[in-house]
PDB file of N, CA and C in Angstrom:
ATOM      1  N   LYS A   1      38.957  -3.366  -6.679  1.00  0.00           N
ATOM      2  CA  LYS A   1      40.067  -2.613  -6.152  1.00  0.00           C
ATOM      3  C   LYS A   1      39.534  -1.463  -5.314  1.00  0.00           C
ATOM      4  N   ILE A   2      40.318  -1.072  -4.352  1.00  0.00           N
ATOM      5  CA  ILE A   2      39.925   0.028  -3.474  1.00  0.00           C
ATOM      6  C   ILE A   2      40.593   1.300  -3.962  1.00  0.00           C
ATOM      7  N   ALA A   3      39.801   2.331  -4.193  1.00  0.00           N
ATOM      8  CA  ALA A   3      40.335   3.612  -4.637  1.00  0.00           C
ATOM      9  C   ALA A   3      40.922   4.370  -3.451  1.00  0.00           C
ATOM     10  N   PRO A   4      41.994   5.134  -3.685  1.00  0.00           N
ATOM     11  CA  PRO A   4      42.575   5.926  -2.599  1.00  0.00           C
ATOM     12  C   PRO A   4      41.521   6.821  -1.953  1.00  0.00           C
ATOM     13  N   GLY A   5      41.527   6.865  -0.640  1.00  0.00           N
ATOM     14  CA  GLY A   5      40.588   7.705   0.093  1.00  0.00           C
ATOM     15  C   GLY A   5      39.216   7.092   0.285  1.00  0.00           C
ATOM     16  N   SER A   6      38.986   5.886  -0.237  1.00  0.00           N
ATOM     17  CA  SER A   6      37.656   5.289  -0.127  1.00  0.00           C
ATOM     18  C   SER A   6      37.468   4.474   1.145  1.00  0.00           C
ATOM     19  N   MET A   7      38.531   4.221   1.867  1.00  0.00           N
ATOM     20  CA  MET A   7      38.459   3.453   3.108  1.00  0.00           C
ATOM     21  C   MET A   7      38.269   4.430   4.266  1.00  0.00           C
ATOM     22  N   PRO A   8      37.131   4.377   4.948  1.00  0.00           N
ATOM     23  CA  PRO A   8      36.909   5.309   6.060  1.00  0.00           C
ATOM     24  C   PRO A   8      37.856   5.015   7.211  1.00  0.00           C
ATOM     25  N   PHE A   9      38.189   6.064   7.970  1.00  0.00           N
ATOM     26  CA  PHE A   9      39.050   5.841   9.126  1.00  0.00           C
ATOM     27  C   PHE A   9      38.288   5.037  10.161  1.00  0.00           C
ATOM     28  N   SER A  10      38.962   4.064  10.703  1.00  0.00           N
ATOM     29  CA  SER A  10      38.412   3.221  11.755  1.00  0.00           C
ATOM     30  C   SER A  10      39.586   2.565  12.451  1.00  0.00           C
ATOM     31  N   LEU A  11      39.437   2.288  13.718  1.00  0.00           N
ATOM     32  CA  LEU A  11      40.483   1.542  14.406  1.00  0.00           C
ATOM     33  C   LEU A  11      40.663   0.174  13.763  1.00  0.00           C
ATOM     34  N   LYS A  12      39.625  -0.319  13.112  1.00  0.00           N
ATOM     35  CA  LYS A  12      39.711  -1.612  12.427  1.00  0.00           C
ATOM     36  C   LYS A  12      40.744  -1.587  11.301  1.00  0.00           C
ATOM     37  N   THR A  13      41.033  -0.401  10.737  1.00  0.00           N
ATOM     38  CA  THR A  13      42.045  -0.326   9.685  1.00  0.00           C
ATOM     39  C   THR A  13      43.448  -0.448  10.260  1.00  0.00           C
ATOM     40  N   LEU A  14      43.595  -0.191  11.545  1.00  0.00           N
ATOM     41  CA  LEU A  14      44.905  -0.259  12.191  1.00  0.00           C
ATOM     42  C   LEU A  14      45.159  -1.587  12.883  1.00  0.00           C
ATOM     43  N   LEU A  15      44.112  -2.326  13.169  1.00  0.00           N
ATOM     44  CA  LEU A  15      44.217  -3.570  13.923  1.00  0.00           C
ATOM     45  C   LEU A  15      43.866  -4.752  13.016  1.00  0.00           C
ATOM     46  N   PRO A  16      44.862  -5.525  12.612  1.00  0.00           N
ATOM     47  CA  PRO A  16      44.626  -6.610  11.646  1.00  0.00           C
ATOM     48  C   PRO A  16      43.557  -7.618  12.062  1.00  0.00           C
ATOM     49  N   ALA A  17      43.367  -7.808  13.346  1.00  0.00           N
ATOM     50  CA  ALA A  17      42.373  -8.781  13.802  1.00  0.00           C
ATOM     51  C   ALA A  17      40.957  -8.395  13.374  1.00  0.00           C
ATOM     52  N   TYR A  18      40.756  -7.128  13.034  1.00  0.00           N
ATOM     53  CA  TYR A  18      39.429  -6.653  12.656  1.00  0.00           C
ATOM     54  C   TYR A  18      39.302  -6.371  11.161  1.00  0.00           C
ATOM     55  N   ALA A  19      40.320  -6.688  10.389  1.00  0.00           N
ATOM     56  CA  ALA A  19      40.297  -6.389   8.956  1.00  0.00           C
ATOM     57  C   ALA A  19      39.128  -7.069   8.254  1.00  0.00           C
ATOM     58  N   ASP A  20      38.829  -8.304   8.629  1.00  0.00           N
ATOM     59  CA  ASP A  20      37.716  -8.994   7.972  1.00  0.00           C
ATOM     60  C   ASP A  20      36.382  -8.356   8.332  1.00  0.00           C
ATOM     61  N   ASP A  21      36.232  -7.888   9.564  1.00  0.00           N
ATOM     62  CA  ASP A  21      35.002  -7.189   9.951  1.00  0.00           C
ATOM     63  C   ASP A  21      34.813  -5.929   9.115  1.00  0.00           C
ATOM     64  N   LEU A  22      35.884  -5.172   8.938  1.00  0.00           N
ATOM     65  CA  LEU A  22      35.806  -3.944   8.152  1.00  0.00           C
ATOM     66  C   LEU A  22      35.454  -4.264   6.700  1.00  0.00           C
ATOM     67  N   ALA A  23      36.121  -5.244   6.115  1.00  0.00           N
ATOM     68  CA  ALA A  23      35.830  -5.629   4.733  1.00  0.00           C
ATOM     69  C   ALA A  23      34.385  -6.107   4.594  1.00  0.00           C
ATOM     70  N   PHE A  24      33.904  -6.853   5.575  1.00  0.00           N
ATOM     71  CA  PHE A  24      32.515  -7.323   5.571  1.00  0.00           C
ATOM     72  C   PHE A  24      31.559  -6.137   5.641  1.00  0.00           C
ATOM     73  N   ASP A  25      31.816  -5.223   6.590  1.00  0.00           N
ATOM     74  CA  ASP A  25      30.947  -4.057   6.776  1.00  0.00           C
ATOM     75  C   ASP A  25      30.889  -3.179   5.531  1.00  0.00           C
ATOM     76  N   LEU A  26      31.995  -3.105   4.789  1.00  0.00           N
ATOM     77  CA  LEU A  26      32.053  -2.282   3.580  1.00  0.00           C
ATOM     78  C   LEU A  26      31.583  -3.025   2.333  1.00  0.00           C
ATOM     79  N   GLY A  27      31.214  -4.299   2.491  1.00  0.00           N
ATOM     80  CA  GLY A  27      30.744  -5.083   1.355  1.00  0.00           C
ATOM     81  C   GLY A  27      31.851  -5.497   0.397  1.00  0.00           C
ATOM     82  N   LEU A  28      33.094  -5.550   0.888  1.00  0.00           N
ATOM     83  CA  LEU A  28      34.227  -5.913   0.041  1.00  0.00           C
ATOM     84  C   LEU A  28      34.422  -7.418  -0.064  1.00  0.00           C
ATOM     85  N   ILE A  29      33.759  -8.176   0.808  1.00  0.00           N
ATOM     86  CA  ILE A  29      33.809  -9.632   0.740  1.00  0.00           C
ATOM     87  C   ILE A  29      32.383 -10.160   0.758  1.00  0.00           C
ATOM     88  N   ASP A  30      32.227 -11.416   0.468  1.00  0.00           N
ATOM     89  CA  ASP A  30      30.916 -12.059   0.358  1.00  0.00           C
ATOM     90  C   ASP A  30      30.097 -11.861   1.628  1.00  0.00           C
ATOM     91  N   THR A  31      29.031 -11.093   1.516  1.00  0.00           N
ATOM     92  CA  THR A  31      28.177 -10.843   2.675  1.00  0.00           C
ATOM     93  C   THR A  31      26.951 -11.749   2.687  1.00  0.00           C
ATOM     94  N   THR A  32      26.907 -12.725   1.773  1.00  0.00           N
ATOM     95  CA  THR A  32      25.786 -13.660   1.797  1.00  0.00           C
ATOM     96  C   THR A  32      26.006 -14.755   2.830  1.00  0.00           C
ATOM     97  N   LEU A  33      27.235 -14.867   3.315  1.00  0.00           N
ATOM     98  CA  LEU A  33      27.564 -15.852   4.343  1.00  0.00           C
ATOM     99  C   LEU A  33      27.586 -15.186   5.713  1.00  0.00           C
ATOM    100  N   PRO A  34      27.196 -15.909   6.750  1.00  0.00           N
ATOM    101  CA  PRO A  34      27.375 -15.379   8.106  1.00  0.00           C
ATOM    102  C   PRO A  34      28.869 -15.205   8.377  1.00  0.00           C
ATOM    103  N   ARG A  35      29.214 -14.249   9.238  1.00  0.00           N
ATOM    104  CA  ARG A  35      30.625 -13.953   9.511  1.00  0.00           C
ATOM    105  C   ARG A  35      31.426 -15.191   9.889  1.00  0.00           C
ATOM    106  N   GLU A  36      30.938 -16.008  10.776  1.00  0.00           N
ATOM    107  CA  GLU A  36      31.711 -17.180  11.203  1.00  0.00           C
ATOM    108  C   GLU A  36      31.915 -18.163  10.057  1.00  0.00           C
ATOM    109  N   GLN A  37      30.942 -18.261   9.176  1.00  0.00           N
ATOM    110  CA  GLN A  37      31.071 -19.177   8.039  1.00  0.00           C
ATOM    111  C   GLN A  37      32.116 -18.673   7.044  1.00  0.00           C
ATOM    112  N   TYR A  38      32.127 -17.366   6.734  1.00  0.00           N
ATOM    113  CA  TYR A  38      33.148 -16.889   5.798  1.00  0.00           C
ATOM    114  C   TYR A  38      34.524 -16.921   6.438  1.00  0.00           C
ATOM    115  N   ARG A  39      34.614 -16.693   7.743  1.00  0.00           N
ATOM    116  CA  ARG A  39      35.921 -16.783   8.413  1.00  0.00           C
ATOM    117  C   ARG A  39      36.498 -18.185   8.264  1.00  0.00           C
ATOM    118  N   GLN A  40      35.668 -19.190   8.428  1.00  0.00           N
ATOM    119  CA  GLN A  40      36.128 -20.572   8.289  1.00  0.00           C
ATOM    120  C   GLN A  40      36.483 -20.873   6.832  1.00  0.00           C
ATOM    121  N   ALA A  41      35.667 -20.397   5.908  1.00  0.00           N
ATOM    122  CA  ALA A  41      35.885 -20.683   4.491  1.00  0.00           C
ATOM    123  C   ALA A  41      37.174 -20.061   3.954  1.00  0.00           C
ATOM    124  N   TYR A  42      37.568 -18.917   4.492  1.00  0.00           N
ATOM    125  CA  TYR A  42      38.724 -18.199   3.962  1.00  0.00           C
ATOM    126  C   TYR A  42      39.962 -18.269   4.844  1.00  0.00           C
ATOM    127  N   ARG A  43      39.983 -19.169   5.803  1.00  0.00           N
ATOM    128  CA  ARG A  43      41.175 -19.321   6.655  1.00  0.00           C
ATOM    129  C   ARG A  43      42.365 -19.739   5.801  1.00  0.00           C
ATOM    130  N   ILE A  44      43.520 -19.192   6.116  1.00  0.00           N
ATOM    131  CA  ILE A  44      44.721 -19.530   5.343  1.00  0.00           C
ATOM    132  C   ILE A  44      45.850 -20.048   6.230  1.00  0.00           C
ATOM    133  N   ASP A  45      45.545 -20.414   7.467  1.00  0.00           N
ATOM    134  CA  ASP A  45      46.587 -20.873   8.394  1.00  0.00           C
ATOM    135  C   ASP A  45      47.425 -22.002   7.800  1.00  0.00           C
ATOM    136  N   ASP A  46      46.744 -23.002   7.238  1.00  0.00           N
ATOM    137  CA  ASP A  46      47.469 -24.149   6.693  1.00  0.00           C
ATOM    138  C   ASP A  46      48.369 -23.750   5.527  1.00  0.00           C
ATOM    139  N   LEU A  47      47.917 -22.807   4.711  1.00  0.00           N
ATOM    140  CA  LEU A  47      48.749 -22.335   3.603  1.00  0.00           C
ATOM    141  C   LEU A  47      49.947 -21.545   4.112  1.00  0.00           C
ATOM    142  N   ALA A  48      49.741 -20.762   5.148  1.00  0.00           N
ATOM    143  CA  ALA A  48      50.844 -19.990   5.724  1.00  0.00           C
ATOM    144  C   ALA A  48      51.914 -20.920   6.273  1.00  0.00           C
ATOM    145  N   VAL A  49      51.494 -21.983   6.925  1.00  0.00           N
ATOM    146  CA  VAL A  49      52.458 -22.950   7.465  1.00  0.00           C
ATOM    147  C   VAL A  49      53.176 -23.670   6.322  1.00  0.00           C
ATOM    148  N   ALA A  50      52.426 -24.067   5.312  1.00  0.00           N
ATOM    149  CA  ALA A  50      53.008 -24.825   4.205  1.00  0.00           C
ATOM    150  C   ALA A  50      53.967 -24.000   3.350  1.00  0.00           C
ATOM    151  N   HIS A  51      53.640 -22.725   3.130  1.00  0.00           N
ATOM    152  CA  HIS A  51      54.431 -21.904   2.215  1.00  0.00           C
ATOM    153  C   HIS A  51      55.337 -20.902   2.910  1.00  0.00           C
ATOM    154  N   GLY A  52      55.023 -20.537   4.143  1.00  0.00           N
ATOM    155  CA  GLY A  52      55.825 -19.521   4.822  1.00  0.00           C
ATOM    156  C   GLY A  52      55.929 -18.276   3.966  1.00  0.00           C
ATOM    157  N   ASP A  53      57.115 -17.700   3.912  1.00  0.00           N
ATOM    158  CA  ASP A  53      57.347 -16.512   3.092  1.00  0.00           C
ATOM    159  C   ASP A  53      57.796 -16.870   1.680  1.00  0.00           C
ATOM    160  N   GLY A  54      57.754 -18.135   1.356  1.00  0.00           N
ATOM    161  CA  GLY A  54      58.284 -18.591   0.077  1.00  0.00           C
ATOM    162  C   GLY A  54      57.423 -18.231  -1.115  1.00  0.00           C
ATOM    163  N   GLU A  55      57.996 -18.513  -2.269  1.00  0.00           N
ATOM    164  CA  GLU A  55      57.273 -18.283  -3.518  1.00  0.00           C
ATOM    165  C   GLU A  55      56.032 -19.168  -3.554  1.00  0.00           C
ATOM    166  N   GLY A  56      55.024 -18.672  -4.184  1.00  0.00           N
ATOM    167  CA  GLY A  56      53.822 -19.459  -4.339  1.00  0.00           C
ATOM    168  C   GLY A  56      52.752 -19.215  -3.290  1.00  0.00           C
ATOM    169  N   PHE A  57      53.071 -18.466  -2.240  1.00  0.00           N
ATOM    170  CA  PHE A  57      52.097 -18.233  -1.178  1.00  0.00           C
ATOM    171  C   PHE A  57      50.865 -17.504  -1.714  1.00  0.00           C
ATOM    172  N   SER A  58      51.080 -16.372  -2.390  1.00  0.00           N
ATOM    173  CA  SER A  58      49.949 -15.601  -2.915  1.00  0.00           C
ATOM    174  C   SER A  58      49.153 -16.402  -3.935  1.00  0.00           C
ATOM    175  N   ALA A  59      49.852 -17.113  -4.792  1.00  0.00           N
ATOM    176  CA  ALA A  59      49.165 -17.927  -5.800  1.00  0.00           C
ATOM    177  C   ALA A  59      48.345 -19.029  -5.141  1.00  0.00           C
ATOM    178  N   ALA A  60      48.864 -19.627  -4.082  1.00  0.00           N
ATOM    179  CA  ALA A  60      48.144 -20.692  -3.377  1.00  0.00           C
ATOM    180  C   ALA A  60      46.875 -20.158  -2.737  1.00  0.00           C
ATOM    181  N   ILE A  61      46.938 -18.964  -2.167  1.00  0.00           N
ATOM    182  CA  ILE A  61      45.749 -18.359  -1.556  1.00  0.00           C
ATOM    183  C   ILE A  61      44.702 -18.086  -2.628  1.00  0.00           C
ATOM    184  N   ARG A  62      45.122 -17.489  -3.729  1.00  0.00           N
ATOM    185  CA  ARG A  62      44.172 -17.178  -4.803  1.00  0.00           C
ATOM    186  C   ARG A  62      43.566 -18.451  -5.384  1.00  0.00           C
ATOM    187  N   ALA A  63      44.378 -19.475  -5.576  1.00  0.00           N
ATOM    188  CA  ALA A  63      43.877 -20.733  -6.132  1.00  0.00           C
ATOM    189  C   ALA A  63      42.874 -21.386  -5.193  1.00  0.00           C
ATOM    190  N   ARG A  64      43.156 -21.336  -3.914  1.00  0.00           N
ATOM    191  CA  ARG A  64      42.258 -21.957  -2.938  1.00  0.00           C
ATOM    192  C   ARG A  64      40.903 -21.273  -2.918  1.00  0.00           C
ATOM    193  N   ASN A  65      40.887 -19.968  -3.068  1.00  0.00           N
ATOM    194  CA  ASN A  65      39.647 -19.214  -2.993  1.00  0.00           C
ATOM    195  C   ASN A  65      39.051 -18.915  -4.362  1.00  0.00           C
ATOM    196  N   GLY A  66      39.540 -19.606  -5.387  1.00  0.00           N
ATOM    197  CA  GLY A  66      38.946 -19.490  -6.713  1.00  0.00           C
ATOM    198  C   GLY A  66      39.179 -18.171  -7.409  1.00  0.00           C
ATOM    199  N   LYS A  67      40.262 -17.496  -7.115  1.00  0.00           N
ATOM    200  CA  LYS A  67      40.531 -16.190  -7.748  1.00  0.00           C
ATOM    201  C   LYS A  67      41.536 -16.347  -8.856  1.00  0.00           C
TER     202      LYS A  67
END
């Protein structure tokens, strides 16, 4: 979990396209994989299409990524 005030200010915190870069840089996600490999491994496009805003979306993401 991220403690309040522990996330440094960065434009990456405001721009969702860079959220994974920020999490990677802060060591919040698996840094043993190259960036392109973890991006592919954690893509959720198909789940978003399948579940939309419906129930089960969060559970499906967690189940897919072993959480």
